[in-house]
Amino acid sequence: MAWFKSSNPVLQEKHFEGTVLEGVSTGQEMTLKGTMNKFGILLMLMIASTLFAWSQFYKGSDPKVFMYIGVFGGLALALLMAFKMHWSPVLAPAYAILEGLFVGAVSAMYNFVYPGLPAQAVALTLLVCLVMFLIYRFRIIKVTSRFRTIVITATAAVALFYLIQWITYVATGTAVLSATFTNAATPLGIGFSILMVALASLNLLLNFDVIEKGVELKAPKYMEWYGSFGLLVTVVWLYLEILRLLGKFQRN
């Protein structure tokens, strides 16, 4: 029987196998407080590396260096954690640092063109996270099987779309449909970004649900790091989509 599902690839039920799902008692189980504390640690590490990349940009460093280190280094660690979850107490903090390099470089470039825009995006991201937590906490939107299926399917489609964009950018130097959807400051482009912000926000509900289920099922202690890492992935995605949306409004 499926206990839970998430569209976040790093918060899947299979990653909790070998724990209480199979009748195994660990003695040290995952807790909600522990997960949130570790999420706070990851967030602080990411902010520190974000500020570093930001400062280097204004000292004349090439932001693409930090972007590539962050993207490919973070991807490598994420894939490694998927197979070595018990390494997450070490790999998750390293991932947060690498992710911060990417976020800092992107944010600095946006701030250079639109001063103050990243600060607005941070504020809106925090607000959206708070609202979605309250929506989940008071079950205003219930995470049902049908809800999960819809969000998972939509997220998978978006991931495929972004993958195709990246491949076409590498091959031709221009991402497919970039001028129409992802980077266009047109009504259609703005609508696409609003949809992405909404989808990322709905993913937060699934993330909260997975973490709560992990706590209920008494997953091992290291899953606190893995769960907080998965939540960080969604929060960063939400921030980047909000940043892109605000940038489009500035150009419109």
Protein backbone atom coordinates (compact mmCIF):
# COMPACT_ATOMS: atom_id res chain seq x y z
CA MET A 1 0.00 0.00 0.00
CA ALA A 2 1.30 3.47 -0.84
CA TRP A 3 1.52 5.57 2.31
CA PHE A 4 2.39 8.80 0.57
CA LYS A 5 3.74 10.29 -2.64
CA SER A 6 5.47 13.53 -3.52
CA SER A 7 6.27 15.21 -6.82
CA ASN A 8 9.55 16.29 -5.28
CA PRO A 9 11.99 13.61 -6.53
CA VAL A 10 13.97 13.72 -3.30
CA LEU A 11 10.92 13.15 -1.10
CA GLN A 12 9.56 9.85 -2.36
CA GLU A 13 8.16 6.95 -0.35
CA LYS A 14 10.87 4.61 -1.62
CA HIS A 15 13.44 6.71 0.23
CA PHE A 16 11.81 5.72 3.51
CA GLU A 17 12.10 2.01 2.82
CA GLY A 18 14.14 0.05 5.32
CA THR A 19 12.66 2.11 8.14
CA VAL A 20 9.46 1.60 10.10
CA LEU A 21 7.69 1.00 6.77
CA GLU A 22 9.25 -2.44 6.92
CA GLY A 23 8.91 -2.90 10.67
CA VAL A 24 12.44 -1.78 11.51
CA SER A 25 12.94 0.12 14.78
CA THR A 26 15.86 2.54 14.85
CA GLY A 27 15.85 3.86 18.40
CA GLN A 28 16.42 7.37 17.04
CA GLU A 29 13.51 8.48 14.93
CA MET A 30 12.79 11.47 12.73
CA THR A 31 10.94 14.33 14.45
CA LEU A 32 9.25 17.43 13.08
CA LYS A 33 11.26 19.73 15.34
CA GLY A 34 14.50 18.07 14.30
CA THR A 35 13.61 18.37 10.63
CA MET A 36 12.76 22.07 10.93
CA ASN A 37 15.95 22.75 12.90
CA LYS A 38 18.00 21.09 10.19
CA PHE A 39 16.11 22.98 7.53
CA GLY A 40 17.10 26.16 9.35
CA ILE A 41 20.74 25.08 9.29
CA LEU A 42 20.59 24.36 5.55
CA LEU A 43 18.90 27.69 4.93
CA MET A 44 21.59 29.59 6.83
CA LEU A 45 24.35 27.78 4.96
CA MET A 46 22.68 28.59 1.66
CA ILE A 47 22.26 32.25 2.61
CA ALA A 48 25.95 32.47 3.54
CA SER A 49 27.11 31.10 0.18
CA THR A 50 24.48 33.22 -1.58
CA LEU A 51 25.96 36.36 -0.04
CA PHE A 52 29.44 35.21 -1.02
CA ALA A 53 28.48 34.70 -4.68
CA TRP A 54 26.59 38.01 -4.61
CA SER A 55 29.65 39.89 -3.32
CA GLN A 56 31.93 38.23 -5.88
CA PHE A 57 29.64 39.36 -8.69
CA TYR A 58 30.05 43.00 -7.63
CA LYS A 59 33.80 42.48 -7.41
CA GLY A 60 33.85 41.58 -11.09
CA SER A 61 33.76 37.77 -10.98
CA ASP A 62 31.99 35.89 -13.76
CA PRO A 63 28.60 34.78 -12.33
CA LYS A 64 28.45 31.83 -14.74
CA VAL A 65 31.27 30.14 -12.83
CA PHE A 66 29.23 30.10 -9.63
CA MET A 67 26.08 29.15 -11.53
CA TYR A 68 27.69 26.11 -13.14
CA ILE A 69 29.39 25.03 -9.91
CA GLY A 70 26.09 25.35 -8.09
CA VAL A 71 23.96 23.58 -10.70
CA PHE A 72 26.21 20.65 -11.57
CA GLY A 73 27.73 20.26 -8.11
CA GLY A 74 24.31 20.38 -6.50
CA LEU A 75 22.89 17.92 -9.01
CA ALA A 76 25.73 15.48 -8.34
CA LEU A 77 25.16 15.63 -4.59
CA ALA A 78 21.39 15.28 -5.01
CA LEU A 79 21.82 12.14 -7.12
CA LEU A 80 24.34 10.74 -4.63
CA MET A 81 21.93 11.36 -1.74
CA ALA A 82 19.20 9.51 -3.61
CA PHE A 83 21.33 6.34 -3.33
CA LYS A 84 23.13 7.13 -0.07
CA MET A 85 20.48 8.73 2.11
CA HIS A 86 22.39 7.93 5.30
CA TRP A 87 25.09 10.31 4.03
CA SER A 88 22.63 13.21 4.01
CA PRO A 89 23.91 14.70 7.33
CA VAL A 90 27.09 15.53 5.38
CA LEU A 91 25.80 15.86 1.81
CA ALA A 92 22.76 18.04 2.57
CA PRO A 93 24.82 20.90 4.07
CA ALA A 94 27.25 20.67 1.13
CA TYR A 95 24.30 20.82 -1.26
CA ALA A 96 22.93 23.91 0.49
CA ILE A 97 26.28 25.68 0.06
CA LEU A 98 26.45 24.82 -3.65
CA GLU A 99 22.82 25.83 -4.16
CA GLY A 100 23.61 29.16 -2.54
CA LEU A 101 26.32 29.84 -5.12
CA PHE A 102 23.78 29.41 -7.90
CA VAL A 103 21.08 31.46 -6.17
CA GLY A 104 23.55 34.21 -5.29
CA ALA A 105 24.84 34.52 -8.85
CA VAL A 106 21.34 34.61 -10.35
CA SER A 107 20.08 37.05 -7.73
CA ALA A 108 23.04 39.39 -8.20
CA MET A 109 22.44 39.52 -11.95
CA TYR A 110 18.78 40.35 -11.43
CA ASN A 111 19.67 42.99 -8.84
CA PHE A 112 22.15 44.57 -11.22
CA VAL A 113 19.40 45.09 -13.79
CA TYR A 114 16.50 45.61 -11.38
CA PRO A 115 17.83 46.95 -8.05
CA GLY A 116 15.91 45.60 -5.07
CA LEU A 117 14.10 42.90 -7.01
CA PRO A 118 15.69 39.89 -5.21
CA ALA A 119 14.70 41.35 -1.83
CA GLN A 120 11.11 41.55 -3.03
CA ALA A 121 11.32 37.95 -4.27
CA VAL A 122 12.66 36.77 -0.89
CA ALA A 123 9.83 38.53 0.95
CA LEU A 124 7.20 37.05 -1.35
CA THR A 125 8.75 33.58 -1.08
CA LEU A 126 8.60 33.70 2.71
CA LEU A 127 5.02 34.93 2.56
CA VAL A 128 3.98 32.15 0.18
CA CYS A 129 5.69 29.52 2.36
CA LEU A 130 3.86 30.80 5.43
CA VAL A 131 0.51 30.85 3.65
CA MET A 132 0.99 27.34 2.27
CA PHE A 133 2.00 26.05 5.70
CA LEU A 134 -1.17 27.49 7.22
CA ILE A 135 -3.22 26.03 4.37
CA TYR A 136 -1.69 22.63 5.10
CA ARG A 137 -1.87 22.99 8.87
CA PHE A 138 -5.57 23.79 8.89
CA ARG A 139 -6.31 21.36 6.02
CA ILE A 140 -7.80 24.10 3.85
CA ILE A 141 -6.45 22.06 0.95
CA LYS A 142 -6.28 18.37 1.75
CA VAL A 143 -3.47 16.32 0.28
CA THR A 144 -5.47 13.50 -1.25
CA SER A 145 -4.39 10.84 -3.72
CA ARG A 146 -6.05 12.73 -6.56
CA PHE A 147 -4.36 15.98 -5.51
CA ARG A 148 -0.98 14.25 -5.41
CA THR A 149 -1.50 12.73 -8.85
CA ILE A 150 -2.39 16.08 -10.42
CA VAL A 151 0.55 17.93 -8.87
CA ILE A 152 3.02 15.12 -9.62
CA THR A 153 1.91 14.92 -13.25
CA ALA A 154 2.11 18.68 -13.74
CA THR A 155 5.52 18.89 -12.09
CA ALA A 156 6.87 16.05 -14.19
CA ALA A 157 5.66 17.81 -17.34
CA VAL A 158 7.36 21.05 -16.27
CA ALA A 159 10.59 19.20 -15.46
CA LEU A 160 10.54 17.64 -18.92
CA PHE A 161 9.90 21.03 -20.51
CA TYR A 162 12.83 22.61 -18.65
CA LEU A 163 15.05 19.66 -19.61
CA ILE A 164 14.18 20.12 -23.28
CA GLN A 165 14.93 23.83 -22.94
CA TRP A 166 18.33 23.12 -21.43
CA ILE A 167 19.22 20.59 -24.15
CA THR A 168 18.22 22.96 -26.95
CA TYR A 169 20.16 25.79 -25.29
CA VAL A 170 23.31 23.67 -25.13
CA ALA A 171 22.85 22.48 -28.71
CA THR A 172 21.79 25.72 -30.41
CA GLY A 173 22.48 28.54 -27.96
CA THR A 174 18.76 29.35 -27.73
CA ALA A 175 16.27 27.58 -25.46
CA VAL A 176 13.12 26.39 -27.21
CA LEU A 177 10.09 28.61 -26.52
CA SER A 178 12.22 30.86 -24.34
CA ALA A 179 10.98 33.95 -26.13
CA THR A 180 7.39 32.80 -25.73
CA PHE A 181 7.14 31.35 -22.22
CA THR A 182 10.03 31.28 -19.80
CA ASN A 183 11.65 34.65 -20.47
CA ALA A 184 8.97 36.59 -22.35
CA ALA A 185 7.44 39.64 -20.62
CA THR A 186 4.21 39.08 -22.53
CA PRO A 187 0.79 38.21 -21.07
CA LEU A 188 1.43 34.60 -22.07
CA GLY A 189 4.89 34.61 -20.52
CA ILE A 190 3.64 36.22 -17.31
CA GLY A 191 0.79 33.72 -17.16
CA PHE A 192 3.29 30.87 -17.50
CA SER A 193 5.36 32.23 -14.61
CA ILE A 194 2.27 32.64 -12.43
CA LEU A 195 1.42 29.02 -13.18
CA MET A 196 4.94 27.94 -12.19
CA VAL A 197 4.73 29.87 -8.91
CA ALA A 198 1.39 28.21 -8.18
CA LEU A 199 2.77 24.76 -8.99
CA ALA A 200 5.84 25.24 -6.79
CA SER A 201 3.56 26.43 -4.00
CA LEU A 202 1.38 23.33 -4.28
CA ASN A 203 4.51 21.20 -4.11
CA LEU A 204 5.11 22.65 -0.65
CA LEU A 205 1.89 21.00 0.51
CA LEU A 206 3.17 17.64 -0.71
CA ASN A 207 6.53 18.26 0.97
CA PHE A 208 4.84 19.05 4.29
CA ASP A 209 2.74 15.91 3.96
CA VAL A 210 5.72 13.67 3.23
CA ILE A 211 7.68 15.04 6.19
CA GLU A 212 4.70 14.64 8.48
CA LYS A 213 4.20 11.05 7.32
CA GLY A 214 7.91 10.35 7.83
CA VAL A 215 7.60 11.55 11.42
CA GLU A 216 4.48 9.46 11.98
CA LEU A 217 6.20 6.40 10.54
CA LYS A 218 9.27 7.02 12.73
CA ALA A 219 11.82 7.16 9.95
CA PRO A 220 15.48 7.12 11.08
CA LYS A 221 17.12 10.29 12.38
CA TYR A 222 19.17 10.97 9.25
CA MET A 223 15.92 11.40 7.33
CA GLU A 224 15.57 14.77 9.07
CA TRP A 225 18.46 15.97 6.93
CA TYR A 226 17.04 14.33 3.83
CA GLY A 227 13.57 15.74 4.44
CA SER A 228 14.89 19.26 5.03
CA PHE A 229 17.01 18.97 1.89
CA GLY A 230 13.92 18.09 -0.15
CA LEU A 231 12.03 21.04 1.29
CA LEU A 232 14.93 23.35 0.45
CA VAL A 233 14.78 22.20 -3.19
CA THR A 234 11.16 23.32 -3.46
CA VAL A 235 11.69 26.62 -1.64
CA VAL A 236 14.57 27.53 -3.98
CA TRP A 237 12.46 26.60 -7.01
CA LEU A 238 9.66 28.82 -5.69
CA TYR A 239 12.05 31.73 -5.14
CA LEU A 240 13.52 31.49 -8.62
CA GLU A 241 10.07 31.39 -10.23
CA ILE A 242 8.94 34.42 -8.22
CA LEU A 243 12.16 36.24 -9.15
CA ARG A 244 11.56 35.52 -12.82
CA LEU A 245 7.93 36.63 -12.55
CA LEU A 246 8.87 39.94 -10.91
CA GLY A 247 11.49 40.47 -13.61
CA LYS A 248 8.83 40.09 -16.26
CA PHE A 249 6.63 42.63 -14.55
CA GLN A 250 9.55 45.06 -14.55
CA ARG A 251 10.04 44.64 -18.30
CA ASN A 252 6.37 44.79 -19.14
